[in-house]
Amino acid sequence: MLGYVHALNAIDEAMRVAIPSLERLADVLGLARSRRISRSDHIGAYSYTVHGAGCGFVSDNGCEVDVDFAADGSEVFDLWRLRRYGLSLPEAVDVTDEDLRSAVRSLEPLLTEVRPGWFSVAN
């Protein structure tokens, strides 16, 4: 669970270095929609694909971090995205929804439930 948060932070940092005009990770959506960047590309150690309300990132070592963005630009994710991350690790981790929910609850107030089943990292 914390690994996902750390990976998301590393992606945010790498994307800001690669795209200096990026103020927050959610800005990737607007840049792709306005065709200032491609909807999918490889930047630094990550490939990315913009989709719907979010973006999927894959690191050079194969770890997947998929994230959606709320209307305010905050990063939100659900249990499915956390499971996908765990399964993509070099030593895959497969846990039940109940175990994921327990892990998320144990990380409050770092993680907050922004709507049923969707979480965000507290500011």
C-alpha atoms as a PDB file:
ATOM      1  CA  MET A   1       0.000   0.000   0.000  1.00  0.00           C
ATOM      2  CA  LEU A   2       2.712   2.463   0.917  1.00  0.00           C
ATOM      3  CA  GLY A   3       4.659   1.218  -2.096  1.00  0.00           C
ATOM      4  CA  TYR A   4       1.869   2.479  -4.367  1.00  0.00           C
ATOM      5  CA  VAL A   5       1.972   5.899  -2.670  1.00  0.00           C
ATOM      6  CA  HIS A   6       5.772   6.077  -2.973  1.00  0.00           C
ATOM      7  CA  ALA A   7       5.606   5.005  -6.633  1.00  0.00           C
ATOM      8  CA  LEU A   8       2.957   7.656  -7.329  1.00  0.00           C
ATOM      9  CA  ASN A   9       5.167  10.312  -5.720  1.00  0.00           C
ATOM     10  CA  ALA A  10       8.175   9.173  -7.795  1.00  0.00           C
ATOM     11  CA  ILE A  11       6.087   9.378 -10.980  1.00  0.00           C
ATOM     12  CA  ASP A  12       4.882  12.858 -10.062  1.00  0.00           C
ATOM     13  CA  GLU A  13       8.471  14.003  -9.533  1.00  0.00           C
ATOM     14  CA  ALA A  14       9.757  12.396 -12.756  1.00  0.00           C
ATOM     15  CA  MET A  15       6.956  13.877 -14.851  1.00  0.00           C
ATOM     16  CA  ARG A  16       7.517  17.363 -13.407  1.00  0.00           C
ATOM     17  CA  VAL A  17      11.213  17.148 -14.270  1.00  0.00           C
ATOM     18  CA  ALA A  18      10.442  15.933 -17.804  1.00  0.00           C
ATOM     19  CA  ILE A  19       7.634  18.448 -18.420  1.00  0.00           C
ATOM     20  CA  PRO A  20       8.557  21.701 -16.637  1.00  0.00           C
ATOM     21  CA  SER A  21       5.131  23.275 -17.318  1.00  0.00           C
ATOM     22  CA  LEU A  22       3.464  20.515 -15.268  1.00  0.00           C
ATOM     23  CA  GLU A  23       2.204  21.982 -11.990  1.00  0.00           C
ATOM     24  CA  ARG A  24       0.563  18.752 -10.824  1.00  0.00           C
ATOM     25  CA  LEU A  25       0.290  15.253 -12.224  1.00  0.00           C
ATOM     26  CA  ALA A  26      -3.357  15.795 -13.223  1.00  0.00           C
ATOM     27  CA  ASP A  27      -2.182  18.386 -15.760  1.00  0.00           C
ATOM     28  CA  VAL A  28      -1.065  15.467 -17.956  1.00  0.00           C
ATOM     29  CA  LEU A  29      -4.743  15.048 -18.932  1.00  0.00           C
ATOM     30  CA  GLY A  30      -5.093  18.603 -20.198  1.00  0.00           C
ATOM     31  CA  LEU A  31      -1.780  18.490 -22.045  1.00  0.00           C
ATOM     32  CA  ALA A  32      -2.785  15.272 -23.804  1.00  0.00           C
ATOM     33  CA  ARG A  33      -6.293  16.514 -24.617  1.00  0.00           C
ATOM     34  CA  SER A  34      -4.882  19.720 -26.103  1.00  0.00           C
ATOM     35  CA  ARG A  35      -2.348  17.603 -28.050  1.00  0.00           C
ATOM     36  CA  ARG A  36       0.649  19.341 -26.472  1.00  0.00           C
ATOM     37  CA  ILE A  37       1.866  15.881 -25.436  1.00  0.00           C
ATOM     38  CA  SER A  38       0.990  12.474 -26.826  1.00  0.00           C
ATOM     39  CA  ARG A  39      -1.741  10.397 -25.133  1.00  0.00           C
ATOM     40  CA  SER A  40       0.894   7.738 -24.651  1.00  0.00           C
ATOM     41  CA  ASP A  41       4.662   8.001 -24.583  1.00  0.00           C
ATOM     42  CA  HIS A  42       7.794   7.115 -22.643  1.00  0.00           C
ATOM     43  CA  ILE A  43       9.297   9.776 -20.388  1.00  0.00           C
ATOM     44  CA  GLY A  44      12.338   9.014 -18.272  1.00  0.00           C
ATOM     45  CA  ALA A  45      11.849   5.690 -16.492  1.00  0.00           C
ATOM     46  CA  TYR A  46       8.096   5.564 -17.197  1.00  0.00           C
ATOM     47  CA  SER A  47       5.731   4.950 -20.041  1.00  0.00           C
ATOM     48  CA  TYR A  48       2.303   6.485 -19.679  1.00  0.00           C
ATOM     49  CA  THR A  49      -1.111   6.195 -21.290  1.00  0.00           C
ATOM     50  CA  VAL A  50      -3.815   8.792 -20.693  1.00  0.00           C
ATOM     51  CA  HIS A  51      -7.288   7.268 -20.345  1.00  0.00           C
ATOM     52  CA  GLY A  52     -10.662   8.732 -19.434  1.00  0.00           C
ATOM     53  CA  ALA A  53     -10.228  10.503 -16.102  1.00  0.00           C
ATOM     54  CA  GLY A  54      -6.736   9.272 -15.427  1.00  0.00           C
ATOM     55  CA  CYS A  55      -3.431   7.882 -16.543  1.00  0.00           C
ATOM     56  CA  GLY A  56      -1.636   4.571 -16.351  1.00  0.00           C
ATOM     57  CA  PHE A  57       2.110   4.541 -15.753  1.00  0.00           C
ATOM     58  CA  VAL A  58       4.496   1.620 -16.108  1.00  0.00           C
ATOM     59  CA  SER A  59       8.051   1.879 -14.820  1.00  0.00           C
ATOM     60  CA  ASP A  60      10.971   0.383 -16.712  1.00  0.00           C
ATOM     61  CA  ASN A  61      10.920  -2.530 -14.242  1.00  0.00           C
ATOM     62  CA  GLY A  62       7.257  -3.268 -15.072  1.00  0.00           C
ATOM     63  CA  CYS A  63       5.523  -1.825 -11.995  1.00  0.00           C
ATOM     64  CA  GLU A  64       2.095  -0.438 -12.906  1.00  0.00           C
ATOM     65  CA  VAL A  65       0.542   2.599 -11.249  1.00  0.00           C
ATOM     66  CA  ASP A  66      -2.872   3.588 -12.558  1.00  0.00           C
ATOM     67  CA  VAL A  67      -4.491   6.697 -11.137  1.00  0.00           C
ATOM     68  CA  ASP A  68      -7.589   8.769 -11.820  1.00  0.00           C
ATOM     69  CA  PHE A  69      -7.907  12.459 -11.109  1.00  0.00           C
ATOM     70  CA  ALA A  70     -10.786  14.095  -9.256  1.00  0.00           C
ATOM     71  CA  ALA A  71     -12.344  17.349 -10.488  1.00  0.00           C
ATOM     72  CA  ASP A  72      -9.963  19.288  -8.196  1.00  0.00           C
ATOM     73  CA  GLY A  73      -6.933  17.522  -9.704  1.00  0.00           C
ATOM     74  CA  SER A  74      -6.262  15.286  -6.716  1.00  0.00           C
ATOM     75  CA  GLU A  75      -5.062  11.764  -7.377  1.00  0.00           C
ATOM     76  CA  VAL A  76      -7.627   9.053  -6.580  1.00  0.00           C
ATOM     77  CA  PHE A  77      -7.434   5.279  -6.767  1.00  0.00           C
ATOM     78  CA  ASP A  78      -9.499   2.246  -5.889  1.00  0.00           C
ATOM     79  CA  LEU A  79      -8.799  -1.296  -4.724  1.00  0.00           C
ATOM     80  CA  TRP A  80      -8.529  -2.554  -8.322  1.00  0.00           C
ATOM     81  CA  ARG A  81      -5.666  -0.125  -8.985  1.00  0.00           C
ATOM     82  CA  LEU A  82      -3.919  -1.137  -5.748  1.00  0.00           C
ATOM     83  CA  ARG A  83      -4.258  -4.830  -6.673  1.00  0.00           C
ATOM     84  CA  ARG A  84      -2.872  -4.198 -10.187  1.00  0.00           C
ATOM     85  CA  TYR A  85       0.119  -2.457  -8.624  1.00  0.00           C
ATOM     86  CA  GLY A  86       0.750  -5.379  -6.274  1.00  0.00           C
ATOM     87  CA  LEU A  87       0.522  -7.924  -9.069  1.00  0.00           C
ATOM     88  CA  SER A  88       3.000  -5.930 -11.194  1.00  0.00           C
ATOM     89  CA  LEU A  89       5.745  -5.898  -8.550  1.00  0.00           C
ATOM     90  CA  PRO A  90       8.887  -7.976  -9.262  1.00  0.00           C
ATOM     91  CA  GLU A  91       7.670 -10.307  -6.504  1.00  0.00           C
ATOM     92  CA  ALA A  92       3.935 -10.140  -7.148  1.00  0.00           C
ATOM     93  CA  VAL A  93       1.643  -9.591  -4.180  1.00  0.00           C
ATOM     94  CA  ASP A  94      -1.968 -10.752  -4.552  1.00  0.00           C
ATOM     95  CA  VAL A  95      -4.298  -9.850  -1.685  1.00  0.00           C
ATOM     96  CA  THR A  96      -8.027  -9.988  -1.159  1.00  0.00           C
ATOM     97  CA  ASP A  97     -10.294  -6.948  -1.243  1.00  0.00           C
ATOM     98  CA  GLU A  98     -10.793  -7.353   2.503  1.00  0.00           C
ATOM     99  CA  ASP A  99      -7.028  -7.281   3.130  1.00  0.00           C
ATOM    100  CA  LEU A 100      -6.716  -4.215   0.893  1.00  0.00           C
ATOM    101  CA  ARG A 101      -9.542  -2.446   2.750  1.00  0.00           C
ATOM    102  CA  SER A 102      -7.872  -3.261   6.082  1.00  0.00           C
ATOM    103  CA  ALA A 103      -4.546  -1.940   4.818  1.00  0.00           C
ATOM    104  CA  VAL A 104      -6.173   1.291   3.619  1.00  0.00           C
ATOM    105  CA  ARG A 105      -7.946   1.748   6.963  1.00  0.00           C
ATOM    106  CA  SER A 106      -4.661   1.180   8.802  1.00  0.00           C
ATOM    107  CA  LEU A 107      -3.125   4.069   6.868  1.00  0.00           C
ATOM    108  CA  GLU A 108      -5.716   6.671   7.870  1.00  0.00           C
ATOM    109  CA  PRO A 109      -5.230   9.653   8.047  1.00  0.00           C
ATOM    110  CA  LEU A 110      -2.486   9.334   5.350  1.00  0.00           C
ATOM    111  CA  LEU A 111      -5.123   7.877   3.015  1.00  0.00           C
ATOM    112  CA  THR A 112      -8.668   9.161   3.007  1.00  0.00           C
ATOM    113  CA  GLU A 113     -11.763   7.690   1.405  1.00  0.00           C
ATOM    114  CA  VAL A 114     -13.029  10.411  -0.930  1.00  0.00           C
ATOM    115  CA  ARG A 115     -16.070   8.454  -2.116  1.00  0.00           C
ATOM    116  CA  PRO A 116     -17.095   4.855  -1.484  1.00  0.00           C
ATOM    117  CA  GLY A 117     -14.211   2.608  -2.497  1.00  0.00           C
ATOM    118  CA  TRP A 118     -12.008   5.445  -3.779  1.00  0.00           C
ATOM    119  CA  PHE A 119      -9.042   6.837  -1.893  1.00  0.00           C
ATOM    120  CA  SER A 120      -6.639   9.745  -2.001  1.00  0.00           C
ATOM    121  CA  VAL A 121      -3.404  10.637  -0.268  1.00  0.00           C
ATOM    122  CA  ALA A 122      -4.071  13.366   2.304  1.00  0.00           C
ATOM    123  CA  ASN A 123      -2.401  16.706   1.653  1.00  0.00           C
END
